[in-house]
Amino acid sequence: MLMAHPTVLKDLVERYETLLPQAGDDSAEAHRRLEDVTYTLCVSTGTRDIDTALTTARRQLARTGSGAGSGGGFALAR
C-alpha cells in the first residue's frame, strides 16, 4: 500500500485540527475546507472515516518520528 509522506500527513492533521473549531461558526467556506481536508486525510490513509484516518495518520507519524499537531499526545516509537 502506498503511504503519504509524513510531512503531508502532519500538515493534513494540523489543518484538520485548525479547521474543526472554525466549522462551528456556520461559515460555508469553513465547512467546505473541513470537508476537503477530511476527504484528503481519508484518501491519504486508505480509510473511510475521519476518526480512523486520524488514528492511522498519527500512528504512521509516530513510526516515522514526525509527530502531529496539538492532538498528537503519543509517544514516538520506531
PDB file of N, CA and C in Angstrom:
ATOM      1  N   MET A   1       0.835  -1.178   0.000  1.00  0.00           N
ATOM      2  CA  MET A   1       0.000   0.000   0.000  1.00  0.00           C
ATOM      3  C   MET A   1       0.886   1.250   0.000  1.00  0.00           C
ATOM      4  N   LEU A   2       0.516   2.223  -0.803  1.00  0.00           N
ATOM      5  CA  LEU A   2       1.229   3.486  -0.817  1.00  0.00           C
ATOM      6  C   LEU A   2       0.900   4.275   0.439  1.00  0.00           C
ATOM      7  N   MET A   3       1.902   4.967   0.953  1.00  0.00           N
ATOM      8  CA  MET A   3       1.685   5.782   2.147  1.00  0.00           C
ATOM      9  C   MET A   3       2.065   7.223   1.838  1.00  0.00           C
ATOM     10  N   ALA A   4       1.279   8.147   2.351  1.00  0.00           N
ATOM     11  CA  ALA A   4       1.571   9.565   2.167  1.00  0.00           C
ATOM     12  C   ALA A   4       2.860   9.922   2.900  1.00  0.00           C
ATOM     13  N   HIS A   5       3.567  10.887   2.372  1.00  0.00           N
ATOM     14  CA  HIS A   5       4.786  11.359   3.013  1.00  0.00           C
ATOM     15  C   HIS A   5       4.432  11.925   4.391  1.00  0.00           C
ATOM     16  N   PRO A   6       5.276  11.677   5.395  1.00  0.00           N
ATOM     17  CA  PRO A   6       4.986  12.170   6.755  1.00  0.00           C
ATOM     18  C   PRO A   6       4.710  13.671   6.825  1.00  0.00           C
ATOM     19  N   THR A   7       5.393  14.462   6.026  1.00  0.00           N
ATOM     20  CA  THR A   7       5.168  15.907   6.035  1.00  0.00           C
ATOM     21  C   THR A   7       3.755  16.235   5.573  1.00  0.00           C
ATOM     22  N   VAL A   8       3.279  15.508   4.577  1.00  0.00           N
ATOM     23  CA  VAL A   8       1.923  15.712   4.066  1.00  0.00           C
ATOM     24  C   VAL A   8       0.907  15.321   5.138  1.00  0.00           C
ATOM     25  N   LEU A   9       1.106  14.164   5.762  1.00  0.00           N
ATOM     26  CA  LEU A   9       0.188  13.720   6.810  1.00  0.00           C
ATOM     27  C   LEU A   9       0.150  14.711   7.971  1.00  0.00           C
ATOM     28  N   LYS A  10       1.314  15.156   8.399  1.00  0.00           N
ATOM     29  CA  LYS A  10       1.386  16.099   9.518  1.00  0.00           C
ATOM     30  C   LYS A  10       0.625  17.383   9.181  1.00  0.00           C
ATOM     31  N   ASP A  11       0.809  17.877   7.960  1.00  0.00           N
ATOM     32  CA  ASP A  11       0.117  19.086   7.527  1.00  0.00           C
ATOM     33  C   ASP A  11      -1.399  18.872   7.512  1.00  0.00           C
ATOM     34  N   LEU A  12      -1.845  17.731   7.002  1.00  0.00           N
ATOM     35  CA  LEU A  12      -3.275  17.443   6.941  1.00  0.00           C
ATOM     36  C   LEU A  12      -3.893  17.364   8.340  1.00  0.00           C
ATOM     37  N   VAL A  13      -3.217  16.676   9.259  1.00  0.00           N
ATOM     38  CA  VAL A  13      -3.729  16.566  10.627  1.00  0.00           C
ATOM     39  C   VAL A  13      -3.800  17.948  11.270  1.00  0.00           C
ATOM     40  N   GLU A  14      -2.781  18.752  11.092  1.00  0.00           N
ATOM     41  CA  GLU A  14      -2.768  20.098  11.674  1.00  0.00           C
ATOM     42  C   GLU A  14      -3.860  20.971  11.066  1.00  0.00           C
ATOM     43  N   ARG A  15      -4.068  20.865   9.748  1.00  0.00           N
ATOM     44  CA  ARG A  15      -5.137  21.645   9.112  1.00  0.00           C
ATOM     45  C   ARG A  15      -6.503  21.209   9.631  1.00  0.00           C
ATOM     46  N   TYR A  16      -6.706  19.903   9.771  1.00  0.00           N
ATOM     47  CA  TYR A  16      -7.973  19.396  10.294  1.00  0.00           C
ATOM     48  C   TYR A  16      -8.226  19.950  11.695  1.00  0.00           C
ATOM     49  N   GLU A  17      -7.211  19.878  12.556  1.00  0.00           N
ATOM     50  CA  GLU A  17      -7.351  20.355  13.933  1.00  0.00           C
ATOM     51  C   GLU A  17      -7.615  21.856  13.993  1.00  0.00           C
ATOM     52  N   THR A  18      -7.078  22.600  13.044  1.00  0.00           N
ATOM     53  CA  THR A  18      -7.301  24.046  12.982  1.00  0.00           C
ATOM     54  C   THR A  18      -8.699  24.368  12.473  1.00  0.00           C
ATOM     55  N   LEU A  19      -9.150  23.625  11.467  1.00  0.00           N
ATOM     56  CA  LEU A  19     -10.442  23.903  10.842  1.00  0.00           C
ATOM     57  C   LEU A  19     -11.629  23.412  11.658  1.00  0.00           C
ATOM     58  N   LEU A  20     -11.437  22.383  12.448  1.00  0.00           N
ATOM     59  CA  LEU A  20     -12.560  21.787  13.179  1.00  0.00           C
ATOM     60  C   LEU A  20     -13.323  22.812  14.029  1.00  0.00           C
ATOM     61  N   PRO A  21     -12.655  23.623  14.846  1.00  0.00           N
ATOM     62  CA  PRO A  21     -13.410  24.605  15.639  1.00  0.00           C
ATOM     63  C   PRO A  21     -14.061  25.686  14.769  1.00  0.00           C
ATOM     64  N   GLN A  22     -13.456  26.010  13.633  1.00  0.00           N
ATOM     65  CA  GLN A  22     -13.990  27.043  12.753  1.00  0.00           C
ATOM     66  C   GLN A  22     -15.268  26.597  12.056  1.00  0.00           C
ATOM     67  N   ALA A  23     -15.441  25.292  11.889  1.00  0.00           N
ATOM     68  CA  ALA A  23     -16.615  24.772  11.177  1.00  0.00           C
ATOM     69  C   ALA A  23     -17.896  25.010  11.971  1.00  0.00           C
ATOM     70  N   GLY A  24     -17.792  25.291  13.264  1.00  0.00           N
ATOM     71  CA  GLY A  24     -18.957  25.537  14.090  1.00  0.00           C
ATOM     72  C   GLY A  24     -19.534  26.933  13.938  1.00  0.00           C
ATOM     73  N   ASP A  25     -18.888  27.785  13.165  1.00  0.00           N
ATOM     74  CA  ASP A  25     -19.369  29.167  13.039  1.00  0.00           C
ATOM     75  C   ASP A  25     -20.349  29.366  11.880  1.00  0.00           C
ATOM     76  N   ASP A  26     -20.860  28.280  11.321  1.00  0.00           N
ATOM     77  CA  ASP A  26     -21.856  28.313  10.241  1.00  0.00           C
ATOM     78  C   ASP A  26     -21.327  28.938   8.952  1.00  0.00           C
ATOM     79  N   SER A  27     -20.034  28.997   8.789  1.00  0.00           N
ATOM     80  CA  SER A  27     -19.443  29.507   7.561  1.00  0.00           C
ATOM     81  C   SER A  27     -19.396  28.393   6.518  1.00  0.00           C
ATOM     82  N   ALA A  28     -19.998  28.653   5.371  1.00  0.00           N
ATOM     83  CA  ALA A  28     -19.990  27.661   4.288  1.00  0.00           C
ATOM     84  C   ALA A  28     -18.560  27.370   3.837  1.00  0.00           C
ATOM     85  N   GLU A  29     -17.735  28.387   3.826  1.00  0.00           N
ATOM     86  CA  GLU A  29     -16.333  28.214   3.413  1.00  0.00           C
ATOM     87  C   GLU A  29     -15.588  27.318   4.398  1.00  0.00           C
ATOM     88  N   ALA A  30     -15.798  27.522   5.685  1.00  0.00           N
ATOM     89  CA  ALA A  30     -15.129  26.692   6.693  1.00  0.00           C
ATOM     90  C   ALA A  30     -15.587  25.244   6.593  1.00  0.00           C
ATOM     91  N   HIS A  31     -16.873  25.028   6.360  1.00  0.00           N
ATOM     92  CA  HIS A  31     -17.387  23.660   6.204  1.00  0.00           C
ATOM     93  C   HIS A  31     -16.781  22.983   4.975  1.00  0.00           C
ATOM     94  N   ARG A  32     -16.699  23.721   3.871  1.00  0.00           N
ATOM     95  CA  ARG A  32     -16.126  23.162   2.645  1.00  0.00           C
ATOM     96  C   ARG A  32     -14.666  22.795   2.837  1.00  0.00           C
ATOM     97  N   ARG A  33     -13.907  23.673   3.483  1.00  0.00           N
ATOM     98  CA  ARG A  33     -12.493  23.397   3.714  1.00  0.00           C
ATOM     99  C   ARG A  33     -12.312  22.198   4.636  1.00  0.00           C
ATOM    100  N   LEU A  34     -13.160  22.078   5.665  1.00  0.00           N
ATOM    101  CA  LEU A  34     -13.091  20.933   6.560  1.00  0.00           C
ATOM    102  C   LEU A  34     -13.435  19.646   5.810  1.00  0.00           C
ATOM    103  N   GLU A  35     -14.459  19.679   4.970  1.00  0.00           N
ATOM    104  CA  GLU A  35     -14.812  18.509   4.165  1.00  0.00           C
ATOM    105  C   GLU A  35     -13.665  18.112   3.241  1.00  0.00           C
ATOM    106  N   ASP A  36     -13.015  19.104   2.640  1.00  0.00           N
ATOM    107  CA  ASP A  36     -11.894  18.828   1.734  1.00  0.00           C
ATOM    108  C   ASP A  36     -10.734  18.150   2.465  1.00  0.00           C
ATOM    109  N   VAL A  37     -10.359  18.682   3.624  1.00  0.00           N
ATOM    110  CA  VAL A  37      -9.229  18.102   4.353  1.00  0.00           C
ATOM    111  C   VAL A  37      -9.601  16.741   4.933  1.00  0.00           C
ATOM    112  N   THR A  38     -10.864  16.570   5.322  1.00  0.00           N
ATOM    113  CA  THR A  38     -11.322  15.270   5.805  1.00  0.00           C
ATOM    114  C   THR A  38     -11.213  14.230   4.701  1.00  0.00           C
ATOM    115  N   TYR A  39     -11.693  14.569   3.520  1.00  0.00           N
ATOM    116  CA  TYR A  39     -11.623  13.660   2.373  1.00  0.00           C
ATOM    117  C   TYR A  39     -10.161  13.312   2.058  1.00  0.00           C
ATOM    118  N   THR A  40      -9.302  14.319   2.029  1.00  0.00           N
ATOM    119  CA  THR A  40      -7.897  14.101   1.687  1.00  0.00           C
ATOM    120  C   THR A  40      -7.206  13.236   2.737  1.00  0.00           C
ATOM    121  N   LEU A  41      -7.517  13.442   3.999  1.00  0.00           N
ATOM    122  CA  LEU A  41      -6.948  12.603   5.059  1.00  0.00           C
ATOM    123  C   LEU A  41      -7.388  11.150   4.892  1.00  0.00           C
ATOM    124  N   CYS A  42      -8.660  10.946   4.590  1.00  0.00           N
ATOM    125  CA  CYS A  42      -9.164   9.580   4.397  1.00  0.00           C
ATOM    126  C   CYS A  42      -8.490   8.911   3.195  1.00  0.00           C
ATOM    127  N   VAL A  43      -8.384   9.614   2.095  1.00  0.00           N
ATOM    128  CA  VAL A  43      -7.733   9.050   0.910  1.00  0.00           C
ATOM    129  C   VAL A  43      -6.259   8.769   1.196  1.00  0.00           C
ATOM    130  N   SER A  44      -5.599   9.697   1.863  1.00  0.00           N
ATOM    131  CA  SER A  44      -4.163   9.566   2.140  1.00  0.00           C
ATOM    132  C   SER A  44      -3.837   8.410   3.076  1.00  0.00           C
ATOM    133  N   THR A  45      -4.807   8.027   3.901  1.00  0.00           N
ATOM    134  CA  THR A  45      -4.576   6.945   4.855  1.00  0.00           C
ATOM    135  C   THR A  45      -5.283   5.652   4.463  1.00  0.00           C
ATOM    136  N   GLY A  46      -6.041   5.681   3.373  1.00  0.00           N
ATOM    137  CA  GLY A  46      -6.743   4.484   2.918  1.00  0.00           C
ATOM    138  C   GLY A  46      -7.891   4.096   3.835  1.00  0.00           C
ATOM    139  N   THR A  47      -8.537   5.105   4.438  1.00  0.00           N
ATOM    140  CA  THR A  47      -9.628   4.854   5.371  1.00  0.00           C
ATOM    141  C   THR A  47     -10.902   5.512   4.856  1.00  0.00           C
ATOM    142  N   ARG A  48     -12.020   5.278   5.584  1.00  0.00           N
ATOM    143  CA  ARG A  48     -13.305   5.809   5.135  1.00  0.00           C
ATOM    144  C   ARG A  48     -13.955   6.779   6.106  1.00  0.00           C
ATOM    145  N   ASP A  49     -13.407   6.936   7.299  1.00  0.00           N
ATOM    146  CA  ASP A  49     -13.982   7.898   8.241  1.00  0.00           C
ATOM    147  C   ASP A  49     -12.849   8.657   8.931  1.00  0.00           C
ATOM    148  N   ILE A  50     -13.168   9.849   9.400  1.00  0.00           N
ATOM    149  CA  ILE A  50     -12.144  10.750   9.921  1.00  0.00           C
ATOM    150  C   ILE A  50     -11.480  10.225  11.190  1.00  0.00           C
ATOM    151  N   ASP A  51     -12.225   9.568  12.059  1.00  0.00           N
ATOM    152  CA  ASP A  51     -11.607   9.062  13.286  1.00  0.00           C
ATOM    153  C   ASP A  51     -10.530   8.018  12.965  1.00  0.00           C
ATOM    154  N   THR A  52     -10.845   7.112  12.055  1.00  0.00           N
ATOM    155  CA  THR A  52      -9.867   6.097  11.651  1.00  0.00           C
ATOM    156  C   THR A  52      -8.711   6.743  10.905  1.00  0.00           C
ATOM    157  N   ALA A  53      -9.009   7.740  10.077  1.00  0.00           N
ATOM    158  CA  ALA A  53      -7.960   8.438   9.327  1.00  0.00           C
ATOM    159  C   ALA A  53      -6.983   9.128  10.272  1.00  0.00           C
ATOM    160  N   LEU A  54      -7.504   9.804  11.288  1.00  0.00           N
ATOM    161  CA  LEU A  54      -6.635  10.487  12.255  1.00  0.00           C
ATOM    162  C   LEU A  54      -5.788   9.492  13.040  1.00  0.00           C
ATOM    163  N   THR A  55      -6.405   8.403  13.466  1.00  0.00           N
ATOM    164  CA  THR A  55      -5.659   7.371  14.194  1.00  0.00           C
ATOM    165  C   THR A  55      -4.556   6.791  13.330  1.00  0.00           C
ATOM    166  N   THR A  56      -4.884   6.485  12.085  1.00  0.00           N
ATOM    167  CA  THR A  56      -3.913   5.916  11.158  1.00  0.00           C
ATOM    168  C   THR A  56      -2.789   6.910  10.871  1.00  0.00           C
ATOM    169  N   ALA A  57      -3.136   8.162  10.622  1.00  0.00           N
ATOM    170  CA  ALA A  57      -2.128   9.186  10.336  1.00  0.00           C
ATOM    171  C   ALA A  57      -1.191   9.362  11.526  1.00  0.00           C
ATOM    172  N   ARG A  58      -1.749   9.437  12.721  1.00  0.00           N
ATOM    173  CA  ARG A  58      -0.914   9.624  13.917  1.00  0.00           C
ATOM    174  C   ARG A  58      -0.021   8.412  14.162  1.00  0.00           C
ATOM    175  N   ARG A  59      -0.536   7.233  13.886  1.00  0.00           N
ATOM    176  CA  ARG A  59       0.271   6.019  14.037  1.00  0.00           C
ATOM    177  C   ARG A  59       1.441   6.034  13.047  1.00  0.00           C
ATOM    178  N   GLN A  60       1.160   6.424  11.800  1.00  0.00           N
ATOM    179  CA  GLN A  60       2.224   6.499  10.801  1.00  0.00           C
ATOM    180  C   GLN A  60       3.248   7.565  11.174  1.00  0.00           C
ATOM    181  N   LEU A  61       2.776   8.703  11.671  1.00  0.00           N
ATOM    182  CA  LEU A  61       3.693   9.767  12.079  1.00  0.00           C
ATOM    183  C   LEU A  61       4.551   9.333  13.264  1.00  0.00           C
ATOM    184  N   ALA A  62       3.976   8.592  14.182  1.00  0.00           N
ATOM    185  CA  ALA A  62       4.737   8.102  15.329  1.00  0.00           C
ATOM    186  C   ALA A  62       5.840   7.158  14.869  1.00  0.00           C
ATOM    187  N   ARG A  63       5.517   6.307  13.889  1.00  0.00           N
ATOM    188  CA  ARG A  63       6.524   5.369  13.371  1.00  0.00           C
ATOM    189  C   ARG A  63       7.676   6.080  12.687  1.00  0.00           C
ATOM    190  N   THR A  64       7.393   7.225  12.066  1.00  0.00           N
ATOM    191  CA  THR A  64       8.447   7.948  11.360  1.00  0.00           C
ATOM    192  C   THR A  64       9.099   9.011  12.232  1.00  0.00           C
ATOM    193  N   GLY A  65       8.580   9.195  13.449  1.00  0.00           N
ATOM    194  CA  GLY A  65       9.147  10.199  14.347  1.00  0.00           C
ATOM    195  C   GLY A  65       8.793  11.609  13.954  1.00  0.00           C
ATOM    196  N   SER A  66       7.706  11.791  13.188  1.00  0.00           N
ATOM    197  CA  SER A  66       7.331  13.115  12.694  1.00  0.00           C
ATOM    198  C   SER A  66       6.378  13.869  13.595  1.00  0.00           C
ATOM    199  N   GLY A  67       5.710  13.179  14.532  1.00  0.00           N
ATOM    200  CA  GLY A  67       4.771  13.859  15.424  1.00  0.00           C
ATOM    201  C   GLY A  67       3.572  14.408  14.677  1.00  0.00           C
ATOM    202  N   ALA A  68       2.632  14.963  15.423  1.00  0.00           N
ATOM    203  CA  ALA A  68       1.449  15.586  14.836  1.00  0.00           C
ATOM    204  C   ALA A  68       1.042  16.741  15.718  1.00  0.00           C
ATOM    205  N   GLY A  69       0.085  17.523  15.255  1.00  0.00           N
ATOM    206  CA  GLY A  69      -0.351  18.740  15.926  1.00  0.00           C
ATOM    207  C   GLY A  69      -0.762  18.546  17.368  1.00  0.00           C
ATOM    208  N   SER A  70      -1.534  19.460  17.878  1.00  0.00           N
ATOM    209  CA  SER A  70      -1.893  19.507  19.288  1.00  0.00           C
ATOM    210  C   SER A  70      -2.604  18.247  19.763  1.00  0.00           C
ATOM    211  N   GLY A  71      -3.270  17.521  18.860  1.00  0.00           N
ATOM    212  CA  GLY A  71      -3.983  16.329  19.250  1.00  0.00           C
ATOM    213  C   GLY A  71      -3.096  15.099  19.272  1.00  0.00           C
ATOM    214  N   GLY A  72      -1.805  15.285  19.021  1.00  0.00           N
ATOM    215  CA  GLY A  72      -0.867  14.174  18.959  1.00  0.00           C
ATOM    216  C   GLY A  72      -0.882  13.337  20.208  1.00  0.00           C
ATOM    217  N   GLY A  73      -0.249  13.793  21.251  1.00  0.00           N
ATOM    218  CA  GLY A  73      -0.278  13.118  22.526  1.00  0.00           C
ATOM    219  C   GLY A  73       0.148  11.676  22.486  1.00  0.00           C
ATOM    220  N   PHE A  74       1.097  11.328  21.663  1.00  0.00           N
ATOM    221  CA  PHE A  74       1.523   9.942  21.564  1.00  0.00           C
ATOM    222  C   PHE A  74       3.036   9.878  21.682  1.00  0.00           C
ATOM    223  N   ALA A  75       3.532   8.742  22.089  1.00  0.00           N
ATOM    224  CA  ALA A  75       4.978   8.543  22.204  1.00  0.00           C
ATOM    225  C   ALA A  75       5.544   8.233  20.824  1.00  0.00           C
ATOM    226  N   LEU A  76       6.702   8.763  20.560  1.00  0.00           N
ATOM    227  CA  LEU A  76       7.367   8.458  19.297  1.00  0.00           C
ATOM    228  C   LEU A  76       8.075   7.119  19.418  1.00  0.00           C
ATOM    229  N   ALA A  77       7.802   6.259  18.474  1.00  0.00           N
ATOM    230  CA  ALA A  77       8.384   4.911  18.511  1.00  0.00           C
ATOM    231  C   ALA A  77       8.889   4.525  17.138  1.00  0.00           C
ATOM    232  N   ARG A  78       9.840   3.642  17.109  1.00  0.00           N
ATOM    233  CA  ARG A  78      10.367   3.140  15.831  1.00  0.00           C
ATOM    234  C   ARG A  78      10.208   1.643  15.782  1.00  0.00           C
TER     235      ARG A  78
END
